[in-house]
Protein backbone atom coordinates (compact mmCIF):
# COMPACT_ATOMS: atom_id res chain seq x y z
CA UNK A 1 0.00 0.00 0.00
CA UNK A 2 1.46 3.44 -0.95
CA UNK A 3 0.40 5.01 2.36
CA UNK A 4 2.64 2.56 4.25
CA UNK A 5 5.65 4.36 2.81
CA UNK A 6 4.48 7.90 3.57
CA UNK A 7 6.82 10.19 5.47
CA UNK A 8 5.99 11.65 8.89
CA UNK A 9 5.43 15.02 7.20
CA UNK A 10 2.86 13.63 4.78
CA UNK A 11 1.08 11.69 7.54
CA UNK A 12 1.03 14.81 9.71
CA UNK A 13 -0.49 16.87 6.92
CA UNK A 14 -3.18 14.27 6.20
CA UNK A 15 -4.04 13.95 9.90
CA UNK A 16 -4.28 17.74 10.30
CA UNK A 17 -6.65 17.93 7.30
CA UNK A 18 -8.78 15.12 8.77
CA UNK A 19 -8.92 16.97 12.11
CA UNK A 20 -10.03 20.17 10.38
CA UNK A 21 -12.69 18.20 8.50
CA UNK A 22 -14.00 16.59 11.70
CA UNK A 23 -14.12 19.78 13.73
CA UNK A 24 -15.75 21.73 10.88
CA UNK A 25 -18.51 19.14 10.44
CA UNK A 26 -19.74 19.49 14.02
CA UNK A 27 -21.86 22.53 13.18
CA UNK A 28 -23.36 20.65 10.23
CA UNK A 29 -24.39 17.75 12.49
CA UNK A 30 -26.00 20.21 14.93
CA UNK A 31 -27.93 22.07 12.23
CA UNK A 32 -29.12 18.80 10.68
CA UNK A 33 -30.35 17.61 14.09
CA UNK A 34 -32.22 20.88 14.69
CA UNK A 35 -33.84 20.54 11.27
CA UNK A 36 -34.94 16.97 12.01
CA UNK A 37 -36.80 17.50 15.28
CA UNK A 38 -37.35 20.12 18.01
CA UNK A 39 -34.52 19.32 20.41
CA UNK A 40 -32.99 21.38 23.21
CA UNK A 41 -29.33 22.36 22.95
CA UNK A 42 -28.45 20.59 26.23
CA UNK A 43 -30.17 17.39 25.05
CA UNK A 44 -28.17 17.38 21.83
CA UNK A 45 -24.96 18.12 23.71
CA UNK A 46 -25.76 15.32 26.18
CA UNK A 47 -26.06 12.90 23.27
CA UNK A 48 -22.73 14.04 21.84
CA UNK A 49 -20.85 13.76 25.13
CA UNK A 50 -22.68 10.59 26.20
CA UNK A 51 -21.69 8.76 23.03
CA UNK A 52 -18.13 10.09 23.43
CA UNK A 53 -17.85 8.79 26.99
CA UNK A 54 -16.84 5.13 26.34
CA UNK A 55 -14.03 6.17 23.97
CA UNK A 56 -12.85 8.89 26.35
CA UNK A 57 -12.74 6.49 29.32
CA UNK A 58 -10.56 4.12 27.30
CA UNK A 59 -8.26 6.97 26.25
CA UNK A 60 -7.97 8.28 29.81
CA UNK A 61 -7.02 4.81 31.06
CA UNK A 62 -4.64 4.04 28.19
CA UNK A 63 -2.82 7.38 28.30
CA UNK A 64 -2.34 7.22 32.06
CA UNK A 65 -1.57 3.54 32.57
CA UNK A 66 2.19 4.16 33.02
CA UNK A 67 1.85 7.71 34.40
CA UNK A 68 1.68 8.81 38.04
CA UNK A 69 -1.85 9.39 39.39
CA UNK A 70 -3.37 12.84 39.15
CA UNK A 71 -2.61 15.07 42.13
CA UNK A 72 -5.01 17.65 43.56
CA UNK A 73 -3.55 20.48 41.52
CA UNK A 74 -3.94 18.55 38.27
CA UNK A 75 -7.48 17.51 39.20
CA UNK A 76 -8.49 21.10 40.01
CA UNK A 77 -6.92 22.33 36.76
CA UNK A 78 -8.74 19.69 34.73
CA UNK A 79 -12.05 20.46 36.45
CA UNK A 80 -11.81 24.18 35.70
CA UNK A 81 -10.66 23.75 32.10
CA UNK A 82 -13.11 20.92 31.39
CA UNK A 83 -15.99 23.13 32.50
CA UNK A 84 -14.71 26.00 30.35
CA UNK A 85 -13.88 24.02 27.23
CA UNK A 86 -15.97 21.13 26.01
CA UNK A 87 -18.88 21.93 28.37
CA UNK A 88 -19.14 25.72 28.67
CA UNK A 89 -17.98 26.54 25.16
CA UNK A 90 -20.06 23.73 23.66
CA UNK A 91 -23.38 24.59 25.29
CA UNK A 92 -23.06 28.25 24.28
CA UNK A 93 -22.15 27.14 20.76
CA UNK A 94 -25.10 24.74 20.48
CA UNK A 95 -27.50 27.45 21.64
CA UNK A 96 -26.04 29.93 19.16
CA UNK A 97 -26.48 27.48 16.28
CA UNK A 98 -30.23 27.64 16.85
CA UNK A 99 -30.10 31.19 15.50
CA UNK A 100 -27.27 31.61 12.99
CA UNK A 101 -25.79 29.80 10.00
CA UNK A 102 -23.13 27.12 10.39
CA UNK A 103 -20.73 29.24 8.31
CA UNK A 104 -20.99 32.31 10.57
CA UNK A 105 -20.75 30.11 13.67
CA UNK A 106 -17.48 28.56 12.51
CA UNK A 107 -15.96 31.94 11.63
CA UNK A 108 -16.86 33.45 15.01
CA UNK A 109 -15.53 30.39 16.85
CA UNK A 110 -12.34 30.52 14.83
CA UNK A 111 -11.32 33.87 16.34
CA UNK A 112 -10.48 32.17 19.64
CA UNK A 113 -6.68 32.43 19.00
CA UNK A 114 -7.00 36.23 18.86
CA UNK A 115 -9.08 36.20 22.06
CA UNK A 116 -6.37 34.07 23.67
CA UNK A 117 -3.86 36.78 22.73
CA UNK A 118 -6.08 39.46 24.29
CA UNK A 119 -6.41 37.39 27.47
CA UNK A 120 -2.63 37.29 27.66
CA UNK A 121 -2.44 41.06 27.22
CA UNK A 122 -5.17 41.87 29.77
CA UNK A 123 -4.35 39.34 32.49
CA UNK A 124 -0.85 37.92 31.95
CA UNK A 125 1.21 41.03 31.31
CA UNK A 126 1.91 40.26 27.66
CA UNK A 127 2.28 42.93 24.98
CA UNK A 128 0.90 43.17 21.47
CA UNK A 129 3.37 43.40 18.60
CA UNK A 130 2.56 44.92 15.22
CA UNK A 131 1.76 41.58 13.66
CA UNK A 132 -0.75 40.77 16.39
CA UNK A 133 -2.43 44.17 16.05
CA UNK A 134 -2.74 43.58 12.30
CA UNK A 135 -4.12 40.10 12.96
CA UNK A 136 -6.79 41.50 15.28
CA UNK A 137 -7.82 44.14 12.74
CA UNK A 138 -8.06 41.58 9.92
CA UNK A 139 -9.92 39.02 12.00
CA UNK A 140 -12.60 41.29 13.35
CA UNK A 141 -13.03 43.06 10.01
CA UNK A 142 -13.64 39.64 8.47
CA UNK A 143 -16.17 38.73 11.17
CA UNK A 144 -17.92 42.04 10.53
CA UNK A 145 -18.28 41.26 6.82
CA UNK A 146 -19.56 37.72 7.44
CA UNK A 147 -21.93 39.04 10.10
CA UNK A 148 -23.26 41.68 7.72
CA UNK A 149 -23.88 38.93 5.14
CA UNK A 150 -25.99 36.95 7.63
CA UNK A 151 -27.92 40.08 8.60
CA UNK A 152 -28.81 40.63 4.94
CA UNK A 153 -30.11 37.12 4.30
CA UNK A 154 -31.72 36.54 7.71
CA UNK A 155 -35.45 36.81 8.16
CA UNK A 156 -34.96 37.71 11.83
CA UNK A 157 -32.15 40.19 12.45
CA UNK A 158 -32.58 39.95 16.23
CA UNK A 159 -31.95 36.19 16.06
CA UNK A 160 -28.63 36.76 14.27
CA UNK A 161 -27.50 39.12 17.02
CA UNK A 162 -28.55 36.68 19.73
CA UNK A 163 -26.91 33.69 18.04
CA UNK A 164 -23.70 35.60 17.33
CA UNK A 165 -23.58 36.69 20.97
CA UNK A 166 -23.84 33.12 22.23
CA UNK A 167 -21.19 31.86 19.80
CA UNK A 168 -18.86 34.74 20.68
CA UNK A 169 -19.31 33.75 24.32
CA UNK A 170 -18.38 30.22 23.26
CA UNK A 171 -15.22 31.52 21.57
CA UNK A 172 -14.26 33.43 24.76
CA UNK A 173 -14.84 30.32 26.88
CA UNK A 174 -12.74 28.18 24.54
CA UNK A 175 -10.01 30.83 24.43
CA UNK A 176 -9.80 30.71 28.23
CA UNK A 177 -9.60 26.92 28.00
CA UNK A 178 -6.90 27.21 25.31
CA UNK A 179 -4.87 29.67 27.38
CA UNK A 180 -4.84 27.26 30.32
CA UNK A 181 -4.53 24.07 28.30
CA UNK A 182 -0.86 24.72 27.49
CA UNK A 183 0.00 24.13 31.13
CA UNK A 184 -2.15 20.99 31.31
CA UNK A 185 -0.70 19.51 28.12
CA UNK A 186 2.85 20.17 29.33
CA UNK A 187 2.18 18.39 32.63
CA UNK A 188 0.03 15.49 31.45
CA UNK A 189 0.59 15.09 27.70
CA UNK A 190 -1.82 16.03 24.93
CA UNK A 191 -3.91 12.85 24.78
CA UNK A 192 -4.18 12.34 28.55
CA UNK A 193 -5.08 15.98 29.15
CA UNK A 194 -7.61 16.03 26.29
CA UNK A 195 -9.24 12.79 27.45
CA UNK A 196 -9.65 13.99 31.03
CA UNK A 197 -10.91 17.42 29.93
CA UNK A 198 -13.57 15.79 27.75
CA UNK A 199 -14.43 13.39 30.60
CA UNK A 200 -15.05 16.30 32.98
CA UNK A 201 -17.17 18.01 30.32
CA UNK A 202 -19.15 14.83 29.66
CA UNK A 203 -20.02 14.43 33.35
CA UNK A 204 -20.98 18.11 33.67
CA UNK A 205 -23.17 17.87 30.56
CA UNK A 206 -25.03 14.79 31.84
CA UNK A 207 -25.64 16.47 35.21
CA UNK A 208 -26.95 19.57 33.45
CA UNK A 209 -29.30 17.44 31.38
CA UNK A 210 -30.60 15.45 34.38
CA UNK A 211 -31.29 18.63 36.36
CA UNK A 212 -32.88 20.64 33.56
CA UNK A 213 -34.67 18.17 31.27
CA UNK A 214 -37.27 15.41 31.67
CA UNK A 215 -36.36 11.91 30.50
CA UNK A 216 -38.99 12.27 27.77
CA UNK A 217 -36.59 14.72 26.09
CA UNK A 218 -34.65 11.66 24.93
CA UNK A 219 -37.61 10.42 22.89
CA UNK A 220 -36.26 11.59 19.54
CA UNK A 221 -36.20 10.34 15.95
CA UNK A 222 -33.40 7.92 15.11
CA UNK A 223 -31.65 10.41 12.78
CA UNK A 224 -31.04 12.73 15.75
CA UNK A 225 -29.29 9.87 17.55
CA UNK A 226 -27.28 9.19 14.40
CA UNK A 227 -26.16 12.82 14.32
CA UNK A 228 -25.23 12.52 18.02
CA UNK A 229 -23.05 9.50 17.27
CA UNK A 230 -21.50 11.35 14.34
CA UNK A 231 -20.64 14.32 16.53
CA UNK A 232 -19.19 12.05 19.21
CA UNK A 233 -16.98 9.98 16.92
CA UNK A 234 -16.17 12.14 13.91
CA UNK A 235 -16.32 15.63 15.48
CA UNK A 236 -15.02 14.98 19.00
CA UNK A 237 -12.92 11.88 19.70
CA UNK A 238 -11.23 11.27 16.34
CA UNK A 239 -10.34 14.94 15.60
CA UNK A 240 -8.71 15.26 19.04
CA UNK A 241 -6.57 12.19 18.30
CA UNK A 242 -5.84 13.28 14.73
CA UNK A 243 -4.82 16.75 15.86
CA UNK A 244 -2.54 15.40 18.59
CA UNK A 245 -0.91 13.00 16.14
CA UNK A 246 -0.48 15.76 13.55
CA UNK A 247 1.17 18.08 16.08
CA UNK A 248 3.65 15.34 17.02
CA UNK A 249 4.61 14.91 13.35
CA UNK A 250 4.62 18.43 11.90
CA UNK A 251 4.46 20.77 14.92
CA UNK A 252 1.68 22.91 16.34
CA UNK A 253 2.26 25.92 14.05
CA UNK A 254 1.75 23.96 10.83
CA UNK A 255 -1.15 22.01 12.32
CA UNK A 256 -2.87 25.29 13.23
CA UNK A 257 -2.33 26.68 9.74
CA UNK A 258 -3.80 23.57 8.13
CA UNK A 259 -6.69 23.89 10.59
CA UNK A 260 -7.66 27.13 8.85
CA UNK A 261 -9.34 24.88 6.30
CA UNK A 262 -12.09 24.37 8.88
CA UNK A 263 -14.19 27.50 8.28
CA UNK A 264 -13.88 27.09 4.50
CA UNK A 265 -15.09 23.50 4.77
CA UNK A 266 -18.00 24.57 6.98
CA UNK A 267 -19.04 27.23 4.47
CA UNK A 268 -18.96 24.62 1.69
CA UNK A 269 -20.88 21.98 3.64
CA UNK A 270 -23.39 24.57 4.83
CA UNK A 271 -24.06 25.46 1.20
CA UNK A 272 -24.11 21.84 -0.04
CA UNK A 273 -26.07 20.19 2.80
CA UNK A 274 -28.02 22.97 4.51
CA UNK A 275 -28.70 25.21 1.50
CA UNK A 276 -27.05 28.18 3.20
CA UNK A 277 -26.28 31.07 0.88
CA UNK A 278 -22.73 32.06 -0.09
CA UNK A 279 -21.75 35.56 -1.19
CA UNK A 280 -18.51 37.21 -2.27
CA UNK A 281 -18.76 39.38 0.84
CA UNK A 282 -18.89 36.32 3.07
CA UNK A 283 -15.95 34.66 1.31
CA UNK A 284 -13.88 37.85 1.58
CA UNK A 285 -14.73 38.05 5.27
CA UNK A 286 -13.66 34.43 5.70
CA UNK A 287 -10.37 35.18 3.93
CA UNK A 288 -9.70 38.08 6.33
CA UNK A 289 -10.44 35.88 9.35
CA UNK A 290 -8.12 33.15 8.11
CA UNK A 291 -5.37 35.70 7.40
CA UNK A 292 -5.72 37.13 10.89
CA UNK A 293 -5.60 33.69 12.52
CA UNK A 294 -2.55 32.82 10.42
CA UNK A 295 -0.75 35.97 11.57
CA UNK A 296 -1.51 35.43 15.24
CA UNK A 297 -0.71 31.68 15.12
CA UNK A 298 2.56 31.71 13.17
CA UNK A 299 5.70 30.99 15.21
CA UNK A 300 7.94 33.84 16.28
CA UNK A 301 11.57 34.08 15.19
CA UNK A 302 12.64 32.92 18.62
CA UNK A 303 10.45 29.89 18.37
CA UNK A 304 11.75 29.18 14.91
CA UNK A 305 15.34 29.36 16.17
CA UNK A 306 14.51 26.97 19.00
């Protein structure tokens, strides 16, 4: 088989593309589920995390079988970041997708690296360089153009504002998770940290569902369950593994740059599967967002030298 002779670089590139594909398709699964039946955001998220749970338990055990047990500091760190990341960010995102297009959702979510930079400036004493200022200007100009496109085609302008607000809150929550995850990954390793963070989120999601929803909320058409399985496997567990494997082979900077395919893929799938409209204004806005993320994610000269 030709793929058996591929280099690490080629494997890393393929895995990074697969991760971008998986993450980008999550919004499509959510929108398809909403179109199939009236379902609450927390119910849909509970299905996603519930179906992810068996795989995550195996990953948590496998990645930690030769590692020392978690101490209190690690457990507290994982609890905080798990609640911020795959629980807090996800529930806000799922609510927002009730109101806005999958394409706009993905573009708003994709600004989290710039929010992470701003968190560093506001709370960690970091400073903005010229490249980062340019990245912020490009990114938010692009979001403005894509947002204006959705306002034009939306029947309910208020809904677009509400949905964009929820998804922006999701991006802030995930940026906070991302800012803290570097410490967790360094201490525990990427797969072990990711597995435990998803495990915390899965437990929090199930508790939220039990407290807020009746059991009858799980009486749903089979396609909704199929979309839940799809989100769990192809948009949660596998992309996390693919991304980790890609980073090991080609480095985080290149993996992030390849990940910029995600919003473009979501725009395409939204058009092909959800009949969402595409305009030149939206595509130009997407290009600005991707350029801004590229600028803020590229390695510094010091990092290159290292």
